[in-house]
Amino acid sequence: MKRFFDWFNNLYPVWLVSLAVLAFYRPQTMLWFDKPWIFWSLAASMLGMGLTLSVADFKGIGRMPGSVVLGFVAQYTIMPLAGWLVATVLKLEPGLAVGIILVASCPGGMASNMISYLARANVALSVVLTLCSTMLAFIFTPAWTSALAGKYVPVDAWGLCLSAFQLTVAPVVLGVLIRWKLPRAAEQIGACGPTIAVLAFVLVTGGIVAASAGDIAGNFGRLTLAAFLLHLFGFVVGYVVPKVFRYPESVARTISIEVGMQNGGMAASLARAHFAAMPLAAAAAVFSGVMQNIIGGLAAAWWKRRVPDEPQ
């Protein structure tokens, strides 16, 4: 069964793009997957993440404080500002601008851990950075979204904060508590965690593409360009910054991936809940998810053939 899960998870970009295409051309196949399903599927994926975490993961923060601080600061400065820059330079319409800024203000996505592994990066650091950015997303995501997207639409910062808390902190903490009190059960269920996360975001992508097919068709070029520029900027600047501070190659790769890859599922869920009058906001989030996996996959393929000089 583990081999099947690994095979399924490794083909994540294939499932993502395939269902997005199906939902675009045959929206009726995925229209059933709407708000309640989106919220609970993402909460389940966060619970799965919590079930895989141990005390050692939290202790990892203390073992590499410099890398963690740099990665965390890069995550919550480079990407939000990049989202605002892309929206401003491309003169995006309000719905698309809000979506790009929202996804740029979200924490790192769990797919970054898999990409880090494939890219011969520092997987332990990747896990810690994803954990840190996720646990504090309920503060930073609403703050950045309110500050940068407020000129396009009124932003309910407190509502975003509560939704982000419910989507991230609450299920992750519940998962950690289950692992602490029921370790055997947590180990068995947690083995499915990555697969649950893959299924969740693939289905979220399909549901939102189906619901926004008309808007996507009329803005396909701008959606693609905005998502491409956002994540390319994140990957490139996320790699350059650690290099400037003379961090090892494996750390530079890890921070590049963490900065370049966002939790698109969370952004899509927040967009559907708080910017329902702007269908393009959620569409931008799922386009972002597709684009970041394409760029991340290409980066991983490039780095996989180049072993870092320093030990992992």
C-alpha atoms as a PDB file:
ATOM      1  CA  MET A   1       0.000   0.000   0.000  1.00  0.00           C
ATOM      2  CA  LYS A   2       2.875   2.364   0.820  1.00  0.00           C
ATOM      3  CA  ARG A   3       4.296   1.872  -2.674  1.00  0.00           C
ATOM      4  CA  PHE A   4       0.946   2.787  -4.182  1.00  0.00           C
ATOM      5  CA  PHE A   5       0.703   5.940  -2.026  1.00  0.00           C
ATOM      6  CA  ASP A   6       4.240   6.952  -3.005  1.00  0.00           C
ATOM      7  CA  TRP A   7       3.463   6.380  -6.685  1.00  0.00           C
ATOM      8  CA  PHE A   8       0.238   8.372  -6.415  1.00  0.00           C
ATOM      9  CA  ASN A   9       1.895  11.254  -4.542  1.00  0.00           C
ATOM     10  CA  ASN A  10       4.806  11.472  -6.983  1.00  0.00           C
ATOM     11  CA  LEU A  11       2.328  12.001  -9.833  1.00  0.00           C
ATOM     12  CA  TYR A  12       0.664  14.905  -8.024  1.00  0.00           C
ATOM     13  CA  PRO A  13       1.287  17.439 -10.856  1.00  0.00           C
ATOM     14  CA  VAL A  14      -0.237  14.996 -13.371  1.00  0.00           C
ATOM     15  CA  TRP A  15      -3.449  14.588 -11.364  1.00  0.00           C
ATOM     16  CA  LEU A  16      -3.594  18.334 -10.734  1.00  0.00           C
ATOM     17  CA  VAL A  17      -3.329  19.378 -14.377  1.00  0.00           C
ATOM     18  CA  SER A  18      -5.547  16.529 -15.616  1.00  0.00           C
ATOM     19  CA  LEU A  19      -8.452  17.345 -13.296  1.00  0.00           C
ATOM     20  CA  ALA A  20      -8.082  21.081 -13.964  1.00  0.00           C
ATOM     21  CA  VAL A  21      -8.390  20.448 -17.721  1.00  0.00           C
ATOM     22  CA  LEU A  22     -11.372  18.136 -17.197  1.00  0.00           C
ATOM     23  CA  ALA A  23     -13.121  20.672 -14.944  1.00  0.00           C
ATOM     24  CA  PHE A  24     -12.498  23.465 -17.450  1.00  0.00           C
ATOM     25  CA  TYR A  25     -13.991  21.631 -20.428  1.00  0.00           C
ATOM     26  CA  ARG A  26     -16.620  19.673 -18.457  1.00  0.00           C
ATOM     27  CA  PRO A  27     -17.498  21.892 -15.444  1.00  0.00           C
ATOM     28  CA  GLN A  28     -20.506  19.770 -14.484  1.00  0.00           C
ATOM     29  CA  THR A  29     -18.184  16.947 -13.421  1.00  0.00           C
ATOM     30  CA  MET A  30     -16.761  18.999 -10.517  1.00  0.00           C
ATOM     31  CA  LEU A  31     -19.409  21.591  -9.618  1.00  0.00           C
ATOM     32  CA  TRP A  32     -20.453  19.430  -6.641  1.00  0.00           C
ATOM     33  CA  PHE A  33     -17.124  20.150  -4.920  1.00  0.00           C
ATOM     34  CA  ASP A  34     -17.927  23.548  -3.415  1.00  0.00           C
ATOM     35  CA  LYS A  35     -17.364  25.535  -0.203  1.00  0.00           C
ATOM     36  CA  PRO A  36     -18.075  22.922   2.522  1.00  0.00           C
ATOM     37  CA  TRP A  37     -16.065  20.252   0.717  1.00  0.00           C
ATOM     38  CA  ILE A  38     -13.206  22.668   0.071  1.00  0.00           C
ATOM     39  CA  PHE A  39     -12.957  23.689   3.725  1.00  0.00           C
ATOM     40  CA  TRP A  40     -13.158  20.193   5.227  1.00  0.00           C
ATOM     41  CA  SER A  41     -10.815  18.586   2.717  1.00  0.00           C
ATOM     42  CA  LEU A  42      -8.131  21.181   3.421  1.00  0.00           C
ATOM     43  CA  ALA A  43      -8.674  20.892   7.177  1.00  0.00           C
ATOM     44  CA  ALA A  44      -8.234  17.119   6.800  1.00  0.00           C
ATOM     45  CA  SER A  45      -4.957  17.633   4.945  1.00  0.00           C
ATOM     46  CA  MET A  46      -3.719  19.901   7.751  1.00  0.00           C
ATOM     47  CA  LEU A  47      -4.768  17.276  10.297  1.00  0.00           C
ATOM     48  CA  GLY A  48      -2.733  14.753   8.322  1.00  0.00           C
ATOM     49  CA  MET A  49       0.257  17.080   8.547  1.00  0.00           C
ATOM     50  CA  GLY A  50      -0.162  17.302  12.322  1.00  0.00           C
ATOM     51  CA  LEU A  51      -0.297  13.506  12.615  1.00  0.00           C
ATOM     52  CA  THR A  52       3.140  13.239  10.991  1.00  0.00           C
ATOM     53  CA  LEU A  53       4.807  15.805  13.266  1.00  0.00           C
ATOM     54  CA  SER A  54       6.839  14.825  16.306  1.00  0.00           C
ATOM     55  CA  VAL A  55       8.669  16.628  19.082  1.00  0.00           C
ATOM     56  CA  ALA A  56      11.843  16.271  16.998  1.00  0.00           C
ATOM     57  CA  ASP A  57      10.287  18.420  14.269  1.00  0.00           C
ATOM     58  CA  PHE A  58       9.705  21.250  16.747  1.00  0.00           C
ATOM     59  CA  LYS A  59      13.191  20.817  18.199  1.00  0.00           C
ATOM     60  CA  GLY A  60      14.529  21.232  14.671  1.00  0.00           C
ATOM     61  CA  ILE A  61      13.788  24.946  14.971  1.00  0.00           C
ATOM     62  CA  GLY A  62      16.452  25.241  17.664  1.00  0.00           C
ATOM     63  CA  ARG A  63      19.017  23.204  15.739  1.00  0.00           C
ATOM     64  CA  MET A  64      19.117  25.573  12.756  1.00  0.00           C
ATOM     65  CA  PRO A  65      17.805  28.926  14.001  1.00  0.00           C
ATOM     66  CA  GLY A  66      19.563  31.078  11.403  1.00  0.00           C
ATOM     67  CA  SER A  67      18.214  29.138   8.427  1.00  0.00           C
ATOM     68  CA  VAL A  68      14.728  28.985   9.945  1.00  0.00           C
ATOM     69  CA  VAL A  69      14.587  32.719  10.655  1.00  0.00           C
ATOM     70  CA  LEU A  70      15.899  33.620   7.194  1.00  0.00           C
ATOM     71  CA  GLY A  71      13.470  31.258   5.490  1.00  0.00           C
ATOM     72  CA  PHE A  72      10.511  32.454   7.548  1.00  0.00           C
ATOM     73  CA  VAL A  73      11.259  36.136   6.958  1.00  0.00           C
ATOM     74  CA  ALA A  74      11.796  35.480   3.238  1.00  0.00           C
ATOM     75  CA  GLN A  75       8.491  33.595   3.056  1.00  0.00           C
ATOM     76  CA  TYR A  76       6.474  36.420   4.566  1.00  0.00           C
ATOM     77  CA  THR A  77       8.207  39.335   2.851  1.00  0.00           C
ATOM     78  CA  ILE A  78       9.360  38.275  -0.624  1.00  0.00           C
ATOM     79  CA  MET A  79       6.120  36.635  -1.725  1.00  0.00           C
ATOM     80  CA  PRO A  80       3.539  39.152  -0.440  1.00  0.00           C
ATOM     81  CA  LEU A  81       5.527  42.020  -1.953  1.00  0.00           C
ATOM     82  CA  ALA A  82       5.989  40.031  -5.162  1.00  0.00           C
ATOM     83  CA  GLY A  83       2.230  39.514  -5.347  1.00  0.00           C
ATOM     84  CA  TRP A  84       1.613  43.225  -4.941  1.00  0.00           C
ATOM     85  CA  LEU A  85       4.315  44.017  -7.534  1.00  0.00           C
ATOM     86  CA  VAL A  86       2.853  41.615 -10.122  1.00  0.00           C
ATOM     87  CA  ALA A  87      -0.661  42.995  -9.568  1.00  0.00           C
ATOM     88  CA  THR A  88       0.592  46.560  -9.910  1.00  0.00           C
ATOM     89  CA  VAL A  89       2.884  46.117 -12.919  1.00  0.00           C
ATOM     90  CA  LEU A  90       0.364  44.047 -14.882  1.00  0.00           C
ATOM     91  CA  LYS A  91      -2.479  46.373 -13.839  1.00  0.00           C
ATOM     92  CA  LEU A  92      -4.614  43.371 -12.940  1.00  0.00           C
ATOM     93  CA  GLU A  93      -8.323  43.782 -12.470  1.00  0.00           C
ATOM     94  CA  PRO A  94      -9.439  43.753  -8.787  1.00  0.00           C
ATOM     95  CA  GLY A  95     -10.521  40.091  -8.562  1.00  0.00           C
ATOM     96  CA  LEU A  96      -7.310  38.772 -10.105  1.00  0.00           C
ATOM     97  CA  ALA A  97      -5.154  41.188  -8.096  1.00  0.00           C
ATOM     98  CA  VAL A  98      -6.776  40.134  -4.819  1.00  0.00           C
ATOM     99  CA  GLY A  99      -6.289  36.452  -5.662  1.00  0.00           C
ATOM    100  CA  ILE A 100      -2.609  36.873  -6.523  1.00  0.00           C
ATOM    101  CA  ILE A 101      -1.948  38.904  -3.363  1.00  0.00           C
ATOM    102  CA  LEU A 102      -3.872  36.418  -1.221  1.00  0.00           C
ATOM    103  CA  VAL A 103      -1.980  33.369  -2.478  1.00  0.00           C
ATOM    104  CA  ALA A 104       1.311  35.278  -2.133  1.00  0.00           C
ATOM    105  CA  SER A 105       0.447  36.012   1.511  1.00  0.00           C
ATOM    106  CA  CYS A 106      -0.243  32.359   2.397  1.00  0.00           C
ATOM    107  CA  PRO A 107       2.237  29.970   4.058  1.00  0.00           C
ATOM    108  CA  GLY A 108       4.379  27.448   2.248  1.00  0.00           C
ATOM    109  CA  GLY A 109       2.604  24.425   0.799  1.00  0.00           C
ATOM    110  CA  MET A 110       3.200  20.819   1.867  1.00  0.00           C
ATOM    111  CA  ALA A 111       4.177  19.922  -1.697  1.00  0.00           C
ATOM    112  CA  SER A 112       7.377  21.883  -1.027  1.00  0.00           C
ATOM    113  CA  ASN A 113       8.609  19.048   1.212  1.00  0.00           C
ATOM    114  CA  MET A 114       8.345  16.555  -1.650  1.00  0.00           C
ATOM    115  CA  ILE A 115       9.988  18.968  -4.107  1.00  0.00           C
ATOM    116  CA  SER A 116      12.804  19.591  -1.597  1.00  0.00           C
ATOM    117  CA  TYR A 117      13.424  15.854  -1.390  1.00  0.00           C
ATOM    118  CA  LEU A 118      13.549  15.508  -5.176  1.00  0.00           C
ATOM    119  CA  ALA A 119      15.823  18.571  -5.480  1.00  0.00           C
ATOM    120  CA  ARG A 120      18.407  17.214  -2.989  1.00  0.00           C
ATOM    121  CA  ALA A 121      17.631  20.126  -0.664  1.00  0.00           C
ATOM    122  CA  ASN A 122      17.490  20.098   3.151  1.00  0.00           C
ATOM    123  CA  VAL A 123      14.249  18.200   3.796  1.00  0.00           C
ATOM    124  CA  ALA A 124      14.399  18.674   7.578  1.00  0.00           C
ATOM    125  CA  LEU A 125      14.619  22.444   7.111  1.00  0.00           C
ATOM    126  CA  SER A 126      11.773  22.311   4.589  1.00  0.00           C
ATOM    127  CA  VAL A 127       9.505  20.553   7.108  1.00  0.00           C
ATOM    128  CA  VAL A 128      10.364  23.054   9.856  1.00  0.00           C
ATOM    129  CA  LEU A 129       9.778  26.061   7.578  1.00  0.00           C
ATOM    130  CA  THR A 130       6.426  24.707   6.393  1.00  0.00           C
ATOM    131  CA  LEU A 131       5.464  24.095  10.019  1.00  0.00           C
ATOM    132  CA  CYS A 132       6.462  27.597  11.163  1.00  0.00           C
ATOM    133  CA  SER A 133       4.821  29.453   8.289  1.00  0.00           C
ATOM    134  CA  THR A 134       1.648  27.379   8.639  1.00  0.00           C
ATOM    135  CA  MET A 135       1.303  27.839  12.396  1.00  0.00           C
ATOM    136  CA  LEU A 136       1.628  31.633  12.109  1.00  0.00           C
ATOM    137  CA  ALA A 137      -0.402  32.010   8.920  1.00  0.00           C
ATOM    138  CA  PHE A 138      -3.448  33.158  10.884  1.00  0.00           C
ATOM    139  CA  ILE A 139      -1.491  36.315  11.753  1.00  0.00           C
ATOM    140  CA  PHE A 140       0.566  37.068   8.643  1.00  0.00           C
ATOM    141  CA  THR A 141      -1.861  36.053   5.880  1.00  0.00           C
ATOM    142  CA  PRO A 142      -4.667  38.418   7.015  1.00  0.00           C
ATOM    143  CA  ALA A 143      -2.186  41.205   7.810  1.00  0.00           C
ATOM    144  CA  TRP A 144      -0.526  41.163   4.380  1.00  0.00           C
ATOM    145  CA  THR A 145      -3.797  40.647   2.512  1.00  0.00           C
ATOM    146  CA  SER A 146      -5.421  43.559   4.319  1.00  0.00           C
ATOM    147  CA  ALA A 147      -2.410  45.827   3.771  1.00  0.00           C
ATOM    148  CA  LEU A 148      -1.856  45.042   0.081  1.00  0.00           C
ATOM    149  CA  ALA A 149      -5.305  44.107  -1.238  1.00  0.00           C
ATOM    150  CA  GLY A 150      -7.270  46.660   0.760  1.00  0.00           C
ATOM    151  CA  LYS A 151      -7.141  49.186  -2.078  1.00  0.00           C
ATOM    152  CA  TYR A 152      -9.012  46.768  -4.363  1.00  0.00           C
ATOM    153  CA  VAL A 153     -11.741  45.580  -1.995  1.00  0.00           C
ATOM    154  CA  PRO A 154     -12.657  45.895   1.723  1.00  0.00           C
ATOM    155  CA  VAL A 155     -10.846  43.107   3.581  1.00  0.00           C
ATOM    156  CA  ASP A 156     -12.274  41.511   6.712  1.00  0.00           C
ATOM    157  CA  ALA A 157      -8.926  40.944   8.423  1.00  0.00           C
ATOM    158  CA  TRP A 158     -10.448  39.415  11.556  1.00  0.00           C
ATOM    159  CA  GLY A 159     -12.607  37.046   9.490  1.00  0.00           C
ATOM    160  CA  LEU A 160      -9.542  36.002   7.474  1.00  0.00           C
ATOM    161  CA  CYS A 161      -7.631  35.489  10.711  1.00  0.00           C
ATOM    162  CA  LEU A 162     -10.343  33.213  12.130  1.00  0.00           C
ATOM    163  CA  SER A 163     -10.661  31.222   8.895  1.00  0.00           C
ATOM    164  CA  ALA A 164      -6.882  30.805   8.623  1.00  0.00           C
ATOM    165  CA  PHE A 165      -6.747  29.627  12.244  1.00  0.00           C
ATOM    166  CA  GLN A 166      -9.498  27.077  11.603  1.00  0.00           C
ATOM    167  CA  LEU A 167      -7.787  25.854   8.440  1.00  0.00           C
ATOM    168  CA  THR A 168      -4.238  25.604   9.772  1.00  0.00           C
ATOM    169  CA  VAL A 169      -3.493  25.876  13.487  1.00  0.00           C
ATOM    170  CA  ALA A 170      -6.535  24.020  14.856  1.00  0.00           C
ATOM    171  CA  PRO A 171      -6.214  20.835  12.737  1.00  0.00           C
ATOM    172  CA  VAL A 172      -2.402  20.745  13.002  1.00  0.00           C
ATOM    173  CA  VAL A 173      -2.524  21.052  16.799  1.00  0.00           C
ATOM    174  CA  LEU A 174      -5.265  18.392  16.940  1.00  0.00           C
ATOM    175  CA  GLY A 175      -3.076  16.089  14.855  1.00  0.00           C
ATOM    176  CA  VAL A 176      -0.081  16.654  17.151  1.00  0.00           C
ATOM    177  CA  LEU A 177      -2.234  15.912  20.222  1.00  0.00           C
ATOM    178  CA  ILE A 178      -3.569  12.705  18.648  1.00  0.00           C
ATOM    179  CA  ARG A 179      -0.012  11.608  17.870  1.00  0.00           C
ATOM    180  CA  TRP A 180       0.985  12.343  21.474  1.00  0.00           C
ATOM    181  CA  LYS A 181      -1.933  10.479  23.064  1.00  0.00           C
ATOM    182  CA  LEU A 182      -2.539   7.750  20.444  1.00  0.00           C
ATOM    183  CA  PRO A 183       0.818   7.217  18.728  1.00  0.00           C
ATOM    184  CA  ARG A 184      -0.047   3.907  17.055  1.00  0.00           C
ATOM    185  CA  ALA A 185      -3.287   5.180  15.563  1.00  0.00           C
ATOM    186  CA  ALA A 186      -1.566   8.425  14.516  1.00  0.00           C
ATOM    187  CA  GLU A 187       1.199   6.493  12.759  1.00  0.00           C
ATOM    188  CA  GLN A 188      -1.290   4.407  10.782  1.00  0.00           C
ATOM    189  CA  ILE A 189      -3.491   7.354   9.813  1.00  0.00           C
ATOM    190  CA  GLY A 190      -0.553   9.723   9.314  1.00  0.00           C
ATOM    191  CA  ALA A 191       0.897   7.439   6.644  1.00  0.00           C
ATOM    192  CA  CYS A 192      -1.998   8.573   4.462  1.00  0.00           C
ATOM    193  CA  GLY A 193      -1.391  12.258   5.263  1.00  0.00           C
ATOM    194  CA  PRO A 194       0.529  13.209   2.091  1.00  0.00           C
ATOM    195  CA  THR A 195      -2.000  11.352  -0.061  1.00  0.00           C
ATOM    196  CA  ILE A 196      -4.891  13.153   1.653  1.00  0.00           C
ATOM    197  CA  ALA A 197      -3.143  16.474   0.971  1.00  0.00           C
ATOM    198  CA  VAL A 198      -2.656  15.581  -2.707  1.00  0.00           C
ATOM    199  CA  LEU A 199      -6.299  14.525  -3.082  1.00  0.00           C
ATOM    200  CA  ALA A 200      -7.492  17.648  -1.253  1.00  0.00           C
ATOM    201  CA  PHE A 201      -5.723  20.167  -3.461  1.00  0.00           C
ATOM    202  CA  VAL A 202      -6.437  18.264  -6.682  1.00  0.00           C
ATOM    203  CA  LEU A 203     -10.161  18.232  -5.846  1.00  0.00           C
ATOM    204  CA  VAL A 204     -10.110  21.873  -4.707  1.00  0.00           C
ATOM    205  CA  THR A 205      -8.495  22.805  -8.013  1.00  0.00           C
ATOM    206  CA  GLY A 206     -11.135  20.907  -9.953  1.00  0.00           C
ATOM    207  CA  GLY A 207     -14.005  22.423  -7.981  1.00  0.00           C
ATOM    208  CA  ILE A 208     -12.843  26.002  -8.362  1.00  0.00           C
ATOM    209  CA  VAL A 209     -11.907  25.656 -12.042  1.00  0.00           C
ATOM    210  CA  ALA A 210     -15.384  24.228 -12.697  1.00  0.00           C
ATOM    211  CA  ALA A 211     -17.111  27.056 -10.813  1.00  0.00           C
ATOM    212  CA  SER A 212     -14.988  29.718 -12.554  1.00  0.00           C
ATOM    213  CA  ALA A 213     -14.642  28.199 -16.030  1.00  0.00           C
ATOM    214  CA  GLY A 214     -16.220  31.178 -17.802  1.00  0.00           C
ATOM    215  CA  ASP A 215     -14.078  33.750 -15.991  1.00  0.00           C
ATOM    216  CA  ILE A 216     -10.956  31.668 -16.563  1.00  0.00           C
ATOM    217  CA  ALA A 217     -11.645  31.409 -20.286  1.00  0.00           C
ATOM    218  CA  GLY A 218     -11.877  35.192 -20.575  1.00  0.00           C
ATOM    219  CA  ASN A 219      -8.699  35.834 -18.562  1.00  0.00           C
ATOM    220  CA  PHE A 220      -6.565  32.767 -19.295  1.00  0.00           C
ATOM    221  CA  GLY A 221      -3.528  34.673 -20.568  1.00  0.00           C
ATOM    222  CA  ARG A 222      -3.386  37.136 -17.674  1.00  0.00           C
ATOM    223  CA  LEU A 223      -3.981  34.399 -15.095  1.00  0.00           C
ATOM    224  CA  THR A 224      -1.157  32.318 -16.527  1.00  0.00           C
ATOM    225  CA  LEU A 225       1.266  35.238 -16.806  1.00  0.00           C
ATOM    226  CA  ALA A 226       0.523  36.554 -13.297  1.00  0.00           C
ATOM    227  CA  ALA A 227       0.936  33.122 -11.677  1.00  0.00           C
ATOM    228  CA  PHE A 228       4.110  32.405 -13.653  1.00  0.00           C
ATOM    229  CA  LEU A 229       5.769  35.717 -12.731  1.00  0.00           C
ATOM    230  CA  LEU A 230       4.779  35.416  -9.058  1.00  0.00           C
ATOM    231  CA  HIS A 231       6.284  31.989  -8.546  1.00  0.00           C
ATOM    232  CA  LEU A 232       9.304  32.520 -10.772  1.00  0.00           C
ATOM    233  CA  PHE A 233      10.113  35.620  -8.720  1.00  0.00           C
ATOM    234  CA  GLY A 234       9.708  33.622  -5.494  1.00  0.00           C
ATOM    235  CA  PHE A 235      11.965  30.785  -6.609  1.00  0.00           C
ATOM    236  CA  VAL A 236      14.702  33.070  -7.951  1.00  0.00           C
ATOM    237  CA  VAL A 237      14.810  35.616  -5.118  1.00  0.00           C
ATOM    238  CA  GLY A 238      14.325  32.848  -2.548  1.00  0.00           C
ATOM    239  CA  TYR A 239      17.499  31.234  -3.888  1.00  0.00           C
ATOM    240  CA  VAL A 240      19.547  34.422  -4.224  1.00  0.00           C
ATOM    241  CA  VAL A 241      18.928  35.752  -0.694  1.00  0.00           C
ATOM    242  CA  PRO A 242      20.513  32.771   1.184  1.00  0.00           C
ATOM    243  CA  LYS A 243      23.406  32.821  -1.274  1.00  0.00           C
ATOM    244  CA  VAL A 244      24.024  36.498  -0.501  1.00  0.00           C
ATOM    245  CA  PHE A 245      24.217  35.566   3.203  1.00  0.00           C
ATOM    246  CA  ARG A 246      26.597  32.692   2.333  1.00  0.00           C
ATOM    247  CA  TYR A 247      24.321  29.830   3.363  1.00  0.00           C
ATOM    248  CA  PRO A 248      25.062  26.357   1.936  1.00  0.00           C
ATOM    249  CA  GLU A 249      23.636  25.258  -1.393  1.00  0.00           C
ATOM    250  CA  SER A 250      21.138  22.845   0.212  1.00  0.00           C
ATOM    251  CA  VAL A 251      19.746  25.660   2.386  1.00  0.00           C
ATOM    252  CA  ALA A 252      19.485  27.991  -0.622  1.00  0.00           C
ATOM    253  CA  ARG A 253      17.558  25.360  -2.550  1.00  0.00           C
ATOM    254  CA  THR A 254      15.239  24.740   0.389  1.00  0.00           C
ATOM    255  CA  ILE A 255      14.407  28.397   0.976  1.00  0.00           C
ATOM    256  CA  SER A 256      13.926  28.898  -2.763  1.00  0.00           C
ATOM    257  CA  ILE A 257      11.360  26.094  -2.832  1.00  0.00           C
ATOM    258  CA  GLU A 258       9.635  27.196   0.376  1.00  0.00           C
ATOM    259  CA  VAL A 259       9.329  30.782  -0.842  1.00  0.00           C
ATOM    260  CA  GLY A 260       8.310  29.823  -4.368  1.00  0.00           C
ATOM    261  CA  MET A 261       5.633  27.310  -3.373  1.00  0.00           C
ATOM    262  CA  GLN A 262       2.536  28.506  -1.504  1.00  0.00           C
ATOM    263  CA  ASN A 263      -0.463  26.803   0.067  1.00  0.00           C
ATOM    264  CA  GLY A 264      -2.743  27.363  -2.916  1.00  0.00           C
ATOM    265  CA  GLY A 265      -5.501  25.258  -1.391  1.00  0.00           C
ATOM    266  CA  MET A 266      -5.680  27.521   1.628  1.00  0.00           C
ATOM    267  CA  ALA A 267      -5.721  30.600  -0.610  1.00  0.00           C
ATOM    268  CA  ALA A 268      -8.522  29.123  -2.717  1.00  0.00           C
ATOM    269  CA  SER A 269     -10.585  28.291   0.354  1.00  0.00           C
ATOM    270  CA  LEU A 270     -10.126  31.776   1.833  1.00  0.00           C
ATOM    271  CA  ALA A 271     -10.972  33.359  -1.529  1.00  0.00           C
ATOM    272  CA  ARG A 272     -14.204  31.360  -1.810  1.00  0.00           C
ATOM    273  CA  ALA A 273     -15.172  32.234   1.759  1.00  0.00           C
ATOM    274  CA  HIS A 274     -14.227  35.927   1.872  1.00  0.00           C
ATOM    275  CA  PHE A 275     -14.163  37.115  -1.756  1.00  0.00           C
ATOM    276  CA  ALA A 276     -17.053  35.121  -3.207  1.00  0.00           C
ATOM    277  CA  ALA A 277     -18.133  38.107  -5.327  1.00  0.00           C
ATOM    278  CA  MET A 278     -14.776  37.891  -7.119  1.00  0.00           C
ATOM    279  CA  PRO A 279     -14.565  34.474  -8.845  1.00  0.00           C
ATOM    280  CA  LEU A 280     -11.171  35.350 -10.299  1.00  0.00           C
ATOM    281  CA  ALA A 281      -9.668  35.537  -6.806  1.00  0.00           C
ATOM    282  CA  ALA A 282     -10.151  31.800  -6.283  1.00  0.00           C
ATOM    283  CA  ALA A 283      -9.214  31.087  -9.905  1.00  0.00           C
ATOM    284  CA  ALA A 284      -5.900  32.897  -9.375  1.00  0.00           C
ATOM    285  CA  ALA A 285      -5.212  30.655  -6.377  1.00  0.00           C
ATOM    286  CA  VAL A 286      -5.689  27.420  -8.310  1.00  0.00           C
ATOM    287  CA  PHE A 287      -3.747  28.711 -11.319  1.00  0.00           C
ATOM    288  CA  SER A 288      -0.999  29.539  -8.870  1.00  0.00           C
ATOM    289  CA  GLY A 289      -1.092  25.968  -7.582  1.00  0.00           C
ATOM    290  CA  VAL A 290      -0.683  24.530 -11.066  1.00  0.00           C
ATOM    291  CA  MET A 291       2.079  26.961 -12.035  1.00  0.00           C
ATOM    292  CA  GLN A 292       4.140  26.499  -8.861  1.00  0.00           C
ATOM    293  CA  ASN A 293       4.153  22.727  -9.341  1.00  0.00           C
ATOM    294  CA  ILE A 294       5.344  23.079 -12.928  1.00  0.00           C
ATOM    295  CA  ILE A 295       8.170  25.454 -11.921  1.00  0.00           C
ATOM    296  CA  GLY A 296       8.962  23.403  -8.804  1.00  0.00           C
ATOM    297  CA  GLY A 297       9.081  20.187 -10.813  1.00  0.00           C
ATOM    298  CA  LEU A 298      11.455  21.710 -13.371  1.00  0.00           C
ATOM    299  CA  ALA A 299      13.678  23.119 -10.603  1.00  0.00           C
ATOM    300  CA  ALA A 300      13.756  19.737  -8.861  1.00  0.00           C
ATOM    301  CA  ALA A 301      14.706  17.975 -12.106  1.00  0.00           C
ATOM    302  CA  TRP A 302      17.564  20.460 -12.623  1.00  0.00           C
ATOM    303  CA  TRP A 303      18.874  20.248  -9.036  1.00  0.00           C
ATOM    304  CA  LYS A 304      18.473  16.484  -8.765  1.00  0.00           C
ATOM    305  CA  ARG A 305      21.338  16.036 -11.245  1.00  0.00           C
ATOM    306  CA  ARG A 306      23.576  18.409  -9.263  1.00  0.00           C
ATOM    307  CA  VAL A 307      24.573  17.149  -5.832  1.00  0.00           C
ATOM    308  CA  PRO A 308      25.312  19.982  -3.336  1.00  0.00           C
ATOM    309  CA  ASP A 309      28.943  20.124  -2.242  1.00  0.00           C
ATOM    310  CA  GLU A 310      28.120  20.132   1.453  1.00  0.00           C
ATOM    311  CA  PRO A 311      26.664  17.106   3.313  1.00  0.00           C
ATOM    312  CA  GLN A 312      22.892  16.973   3.623  1.00  0.00           C
END
